Amino acid sequence: MKVILVNGSPNEKGCTYTALQEVEKTLRENGIETEIFQVGNKPISGCIGFFTCTKNGKCFRDDTVNDFLEKASSTNGFVFGSPVHFAAASVALTHS
């Protein structure tokens, strides 16, 4: 089993990362393969509805989303981590 922990914080090694590391530790102790995937400080273009991703399996825009889709295809689960500002998750997690 494999789980990707998605770090939506723009601060790559901040508090959200620390929290995800704690979750990762518990998952690994239970024999689950893990990977922390950083998106919070990476370029992500918003979806404009071309639906290329459904036809080709990837977005026509070559950004972090394609990297994520490649990894996600062989993953059993996800944990999303984000700082909360103004009662919402980070833009990297909500507007892509």
N, C-alpha and C. Protein backbone atom coordinates (compact mmCIF):
# COMPACT_ATOMS: atom_id res chain seq x y z
N MET A 1 0.84 -1.18 0.00
CA MET A 1 0.00 0.00 0.00
C MET A 1 0.89 1.24 0.00
N LYS A 2 0.45 2.27 -0.72
CA LYS A 2 1.22 3.51 -0.79
C LYS A 2 0.29 4.70 -0.57
N VAL A 3 0.77 5.67 0.20
CA VAL A 3 0.03 6.89 0.49
C VAL A 3 0.91 8.09 0.17
N ILE A 4 0.34 9.05 -0.55
CA ILE A 4 1.04 10.32 -0.80
C ILE A 4 0.50 11.35 0.18
N LEU A 5 1.41 12.03 0.86
CA LEU A 5 1.05 13.12 1.77
C LEU A 5 1.35 14.42 1.03
N VAL A 6 0.34 15.21 0.77
CA VAL A 6 0.46 16.40 -0.06
C VAL A 6 0.62 17.62 0.84
N ASN A 7 1.76 18.32 0.69
CA ASN A 7 2.04 19.51 1.48
C ASN A 7 1.62 20.74 0.69
N GLY A 8 0.52 21.36 1.10
CA GLY A 8 0.00 22.54 0.41
C GLY A 8 0.56 23.85 0.93
N SER A 9 1.50 23.79 1.85
CA SER A 9 2.08 25.01 2.41
C SER A 9 3.16 25.57 1.49
N PRO A 10 3.19 26.89 1.32
CA PRO A 10 4.28 27.48 0.55
C PRO A 10 5.62 27.39 1.29
N ASN A 11 5.57 27.15 2.59
CA ASN A 11 6.77 26.97 3.39
C ASN A 11 7.10 25.48 3.42
N GLU A 12 8.00 25.06 2.56
CA GLU A 12 8.26 23.63 2.32
C GLU A 12 8.61 22.84 3.57
N LYS A 13 9.30 23.43 4.53
CA LYS A 13 9.72 22.70 5.74
C LYS A 13 9.11 23.31 7.00
N GLY A 14 7.91 23.86 6.89
CA GLY A 14 7.26 24.52 8.02
C GLY A 14 6.42 23.58 8.87
N CYS A 15 5.44 24.16 9.54
CA CYS A 15 4.59 23.41 10.49
C CYS A 15 3.75 22.34 9.80
N THR A 16 3.24 22.63 8.61
CA THR A 16 2.45 21.64 7.89
C THR A 16 3.31 20.43 7.55
N TYR A 17 4.53 20.68 7.12
CA TYR A 17 5.48 19.60 6.83
C TYR A 17 5.75 18.77 8.08
N THR A 18 5.94 19.43 9.20
CA THR A 18 6.19 18.72 10.46
C THR A 18 5.01 17.83 10.82
N ALA A 19 3.79 18.34 10.65
CA ALA A 19 2.60 17.53 10.93
C ALA A 19 2.51 16.34 9.98
N LEU A 20 2.81 16.56 8.71
CA LEU A 20 2.79 15.47 7.74
C LEU A 20 3.86 14.42 8.06
N GLN A 21 5.00 14.85 8.58
CA GLN A 21 6.04 13.90 8.98
C GLN A 21 5.55 12.99 10.10
N GLU A 22 4.77 13.54 11.02
CA GLU A 22 4.22 12.73 12.11
C GLU A 22 3.25 11.67 11.57
N VAL A 23 2.41 12.08 10.64
CA VAL A 23 1.49 11.13 10.01
C VAL A 23 2.29 10.08 9.24
N GLU A 24 3.30 10.54 8.50
CA GLU A 24 4.15 9.63 7.72
C GLU A 24 4.81 8.59 8.62
N LYS A 25 5.28 9.01 9.77
CA LYS A 25 5.94 8.10 10.71
C LYS A 25 4.98 6.99 11.14
N THR A 26 3.76 7.36 11.47
CA THR A 26 2.76 6.38 11.90
C THR A 26 2.41 5.42 10.76
N LEU A 27 2.26 5.95 9.56
CA LEU A 27 1.95 5.09 8.41
C LEU A 27 3.07 4.09 8.16
N ARG A 28 4.31 4.56 8.20
CA ARG A 28 5.46 3.68 7.96
C ARG A 28 5.58 2.61 9.04
N GLU A 29 5.28 2.98 10.28
CA GLU A 29 5.30 2.00 11.37
C GLU A 29 4.30 0.88 11.13
N ASN A 30 3.28 1.17 10.33
CA ASN A 30 2.26 0.18 10.01
C ASN A 30 2.46 -0.45 8.64
N GLY A 31 3.67 -0.31 8.10
CA GLY A 31 4.03 -0.98 6.86
C GLY A 31 3.52 -0.33 5.59
N ILE A 32 3.16 0.93 5.67
CA ILE A 32 2.62 1.63 4.50
C ILE A 32 3.71 2.50 3.89
N GLU A 33 3.93 2.34 2.60
CA GLU A 33 4.90 3.16 1.87
C GLU A 33 4.35 4.57 1.74
N THR A 34 5.21 5.57 1.94
CA THR A 34 4.76 6.96 1.90
C THR A 34 5.69 7.83 1.08
N GLU A 35 5.15 8.97 0.69
CA GLU A 35 5.95 10.01 0.04
C GLU A 35 5.29 11.35 0.33
N ILE A 36 6.09 12.33 0.74
CA ILE A 36 5.58 13.69 0.91
C ILE A 36 5.80 14.42 -0.41
N PHE A 37 4.71 14.95 -0.96
CA PHE A 37 4.75 15.64 -2.24
C PHE A 37 4.46 17.12 -2.01
N GLN A 38 5.40 17.97 -2.33
CA GLN A 38 5.29 19.41 -2.10
C GLN A 38 4.58 20.09 -3.28
N VAL A 39 3.49 20.80 -3.00
CA VAL A 39 2.81 21.57 -4.05
C VAL A 39 2.67 23.04 -3.70
N GLY A 40 2.78 23.39 -2.43
CA GLY A 40 2.47 24.74 -1.98
C GLY A 40 3.34 25.84 -2.55
N ASN A 41 4.55 25.52 -2.98
CA ASN A 41 5.42 26.56 -3.53
C ASN A 41 5.82 26.24 -4.97
N LYS A 42 5.01 25.43 -5.63
CA LYS A 42 5.28 25.04 -7.01
C LYS A 42 4.26 25.70 -7.95
N PRO A 43 4.64 25.88 -9.21
CA PRO A 43 3.69 26.49 -10.16
C PRO A 43 2.55 25.53 -10.50
N ILE A 44 1.32 26.01 -10.32
CA ILE A 44 0.13 25.25 -10.70
C ILE A 44 -0.82 26.21 -11.40
N SER A 45 -1.16 25.88 -12.62
CA SER A 45 -2.12 26.69 -13.37
C SER A 45 -3.52 26.15 -13.10
N GLY A 46 -4.47 27.03 -12.97
CA GLY A 46 -5.84 26.60 -12.74
C GLY A 46 -6.41 25.89 -13.95
N CYS A 47 -7.38 25.03 -13.72
CA CYS A 47 -8.03 24.29 -14.80
C CYS A 47 -8.88 25.24 -15.63
N ILE A 48 -8.78 25.09 -16.96
CA ILE A 48 -9.62 25.91 -17.85
C ILE A 48 -10.58 25.04 -18.66
N GLY A 49 -10.70 23.78 -18.30
CA GLY A 49 -11.72 22.92 -18.88
C GLY A 49 -11.46 22.39 -20.27
N PHE A 50 -10.22 22.21 -20.65
CA PHE A 50 -9.92 21.61 -21.96
C PHE A 50 -10.15 20.10 -21.96
N PHE A 51 -10.16 19.50 -20.78
CA PHE A 51 -10.36 18.06 -20.59
C PHE A 51 -9.29 17.20 -21.26
N THR A 52 -8.15 17.80 -21.56
CA THR A 52 -7.03 17.04 -22.11
C THR A 52 -6.60 15.96 -21.12
N CYS A 53 -6.71 16.25 -19.84
CA CYS A 53 -6.30 15.29 -18.81
C CYS A 53 -7.12 14.00 -18.90
N THR A 54 -8.39 14.10 -19.25
CA THR A 54 -9.21 12.90 -19.34
C THR A 54 -8.90 12.10 -20.60
N LYS A 55 -8.41 12.76 -21.62
CA LYS A 55 -8.07 12.07 -22.88
C LYS A 55 -6.65 11.51 -22.85
N ASN A 56 -5.70 12.31 -22.36
CA ASN A 56 -4.28 11.93 -22.41
C ASN A 56 -3.71 11.49 -21.07
N GLY A 57 -4.47 11.69 -20.01
CA GLY A 57 -3.96 11.35 -18.68
C GLY A 57 -3.06 12.41 -18.08
N LYS A 58 -2.94 13.55 -18.76
CA LYS A 58 -2.16 14.66 -18.21
C LYS A 58 -2.67 15.97 -18.79
N CYS A 59 -2.39 17.04 -18.05
CA CYS A 59 -2.82 18.38 -18.46
C CYS A 59 -1.91 18.87 -19.59
N PHE A 60 -2.50 19.66 -20.48
CA PHE A 60 -1.69 20.23 -21.57
C PHE A 60 -0.69 21.25 -21.04
N ARG A 61 -0.97 21.80 -19.86
CA ARG A 61 -0.02 22.71 -19.22
C ARG A 61 0.98 21.86 -18.45
N ASP A 62 2.23 22.06 -18.71
CA ASP A 62 3.25 21.23 -18.06
C ASP A 62 3.65 21.86 -16.73
N ASP A 63 2.94 21.48 -15.67
CA ASP A 63 3.25 22.01 -14.35
C ASP A 63 3.21 20.89 -13.31
N THR A 64 3.14 21.25 -12.07
CA THR A 64 3.20 20.31 -10.96
C THR A 64 2.04 19.31 -10.98
N VAL A 65 0.92 19.69 -11.55
CA VAL A 65 -0.23 18.79 -11.60
C VAL A 65 0.13 17.50 -12.34
N ASN A 66 0.86 17.61 -13.44
CA ASN A 66 1.25 16.41 -14.18
C ASN A 66 2.17 15.51 -13.36
N ASP A 67 3.07 16.10 -12.60
CA ASP A 67 3.93 15.31 -11.71
C ASP A 67 3.08 14.56 -10.68
N PHE A 68 2.08 15.27 -10.15
CA PHE A 68 1.21 14.67 -9.15
C PHE A 68 0.37 13.54 -9.77
N LEU A 69 -0.19 13.77 -10.95
CA LEU A 69 -1.01 12.75 -11.60
C LEU A 69 -0.23 11.47 -11.86
N GLU A 70 1.03 11.63 -12.24
CA GLU A 70 1.87 10.46 -12.50
C GLU A 70 2.04 9.63 -11.23
N LYS A 71 2.30 10.29 -10.12
CA LYS A 71 2.48 9.58 -8.85
C LYS A 71 1.14 9.04 -8.32
N ALA A 72 0.08 9.81 -8.52
CA ALA A 72 -1.24 9.44 -7.99
C ALA A 72 -1.78 8.17 -8.63
N SER A 73 -1.38 7.90 -9.86
CA SER A 73 -1.91 6.73 -10.56
C SER A 73 -1.51 5.42 -9.90
N SER A 74 -0.45 5.43 -9.12
CA SER A 74 0.00 4.20 -8.46
C SER A 74 -0.11 4.31 -6.94
N THR A 75 -1.04 5.12 -6.47
CA THR A 75 -1.20 5.38 -5.04
C THR A 75 -2.55 4.88 -4.55
N ASN A 76 -2.57 4.39 -3.31
CA ASN A 76 -3.81 3.89 -2.72
C ASN A 76 -4.56 4.93 -1.90
N GLY A 77 -3.86 5.99 -1.46
CA GLY A 77 -4.52 6.97 -0.62
C GLY A 77 -3.74 8.27 -0.54
N PHE A 78 -4.40 9.29 -0.02
CA PHE A 78 -3.81 10.62 0.08
C PHE A 78 -4.09 11.21 1.45
N VAL A 79 -3.14 12.02 1.92
CA VAL A 79 -3.33 12.86 3.09
C VAL A 79 -2.96 14.26 2.65
N PHE A 80 -3.88 15.20 2.80
CA PHE A 80 -3.63 16.58 2.39
C PHE A 80 -3.37 17.43 3.61
N GLY A 81 -2.25 18.15 3.60
CA GLY A 81 -1.90 19.06 4.68
C GLY A 81 -1.83 20.47 4.17
N SER A 82 -2.38 21.40 4.94
CA SER A 82 -2.39 22.80 4.52
C SER A 82 -2.46 23.71 5.73
N PRO A 83 -1.75 24.83 5.66
CA PRO A 83 -2.01 25.86 6.67
C PRO A 83 -3.40 26.43 6.42
N VAL A 84 -4.01 26.96 7.44
CA VAL A 84 -5.34 27.56 7.28
C VAL A 84 -5.22 29.06 7.48
N HIS A 85 -5.55 29.79 6.44
CA HIS A 85 -5.55 31.25 6.49
C HIS A 85 -6.93 31.73 6.05
N PHE A 86 -7.53 32.59 6.82
CA PHE A 86 -8.85 33.13 6.50
C PHE A 86 -9.87 32.01 6.29
N ALA A 87 -9.82 31.00 7.15
CA ALA A 87 -10.77 29.88 7.19
C ALA A 87 -10.78 29.04 5.92
N ALA A 88 -9.64 28.94 5.24
CA ALA A 88 -9.57 28.13 4.02
C ALA A 88 -8.19 27.48 3.89
N ALA A 89 -8.15 26.39 3.14
CA ALA A 89 -6.88 25.74 2.83
C ALA A 89 -6.10 26.62 1.86
N SER A 90 -4.83 26.29 1.68
CA SER A 90 -3.98 27.09 0.80
C SER A 90 -4.48 27.08 -0.64
N VAL A 91 -4.16 28.13 -1.36
CA VAL A 91 -4.57 28.27 -2.76
C VAL A 91 -4.07 27.10 -3.60
N ALA A 92 -2.88 26.60 -3.30
CA ALA A 92 -2.32 25.48 -4.07
C ALA A 92 -3.22 24.25 -4.02
N LEU A 93 -3.97 24.08 -2.95
CA LEU A 93 -4.86 22.92 -2.83
C LEU A 93 -6.28 23.20 -3.29
N THR A 94 -6.69 24.44 -3.31
CA THR A 94 -8.09 24.73 -3.60
C THR A 94 -8.35 25.28 -5.00
N HIS A 95 -7.35 25.81 -5.67
CA HIS A 95 -7.58 26.43 -6.98
C HIS A 95 -6.85 25.74 -8.11
N SER A 96 -6.67 24.46 -8.00
CA SER A 96 -5.99 23.76 -9.10
C SER A 96 -6.90 22.74 -9.72
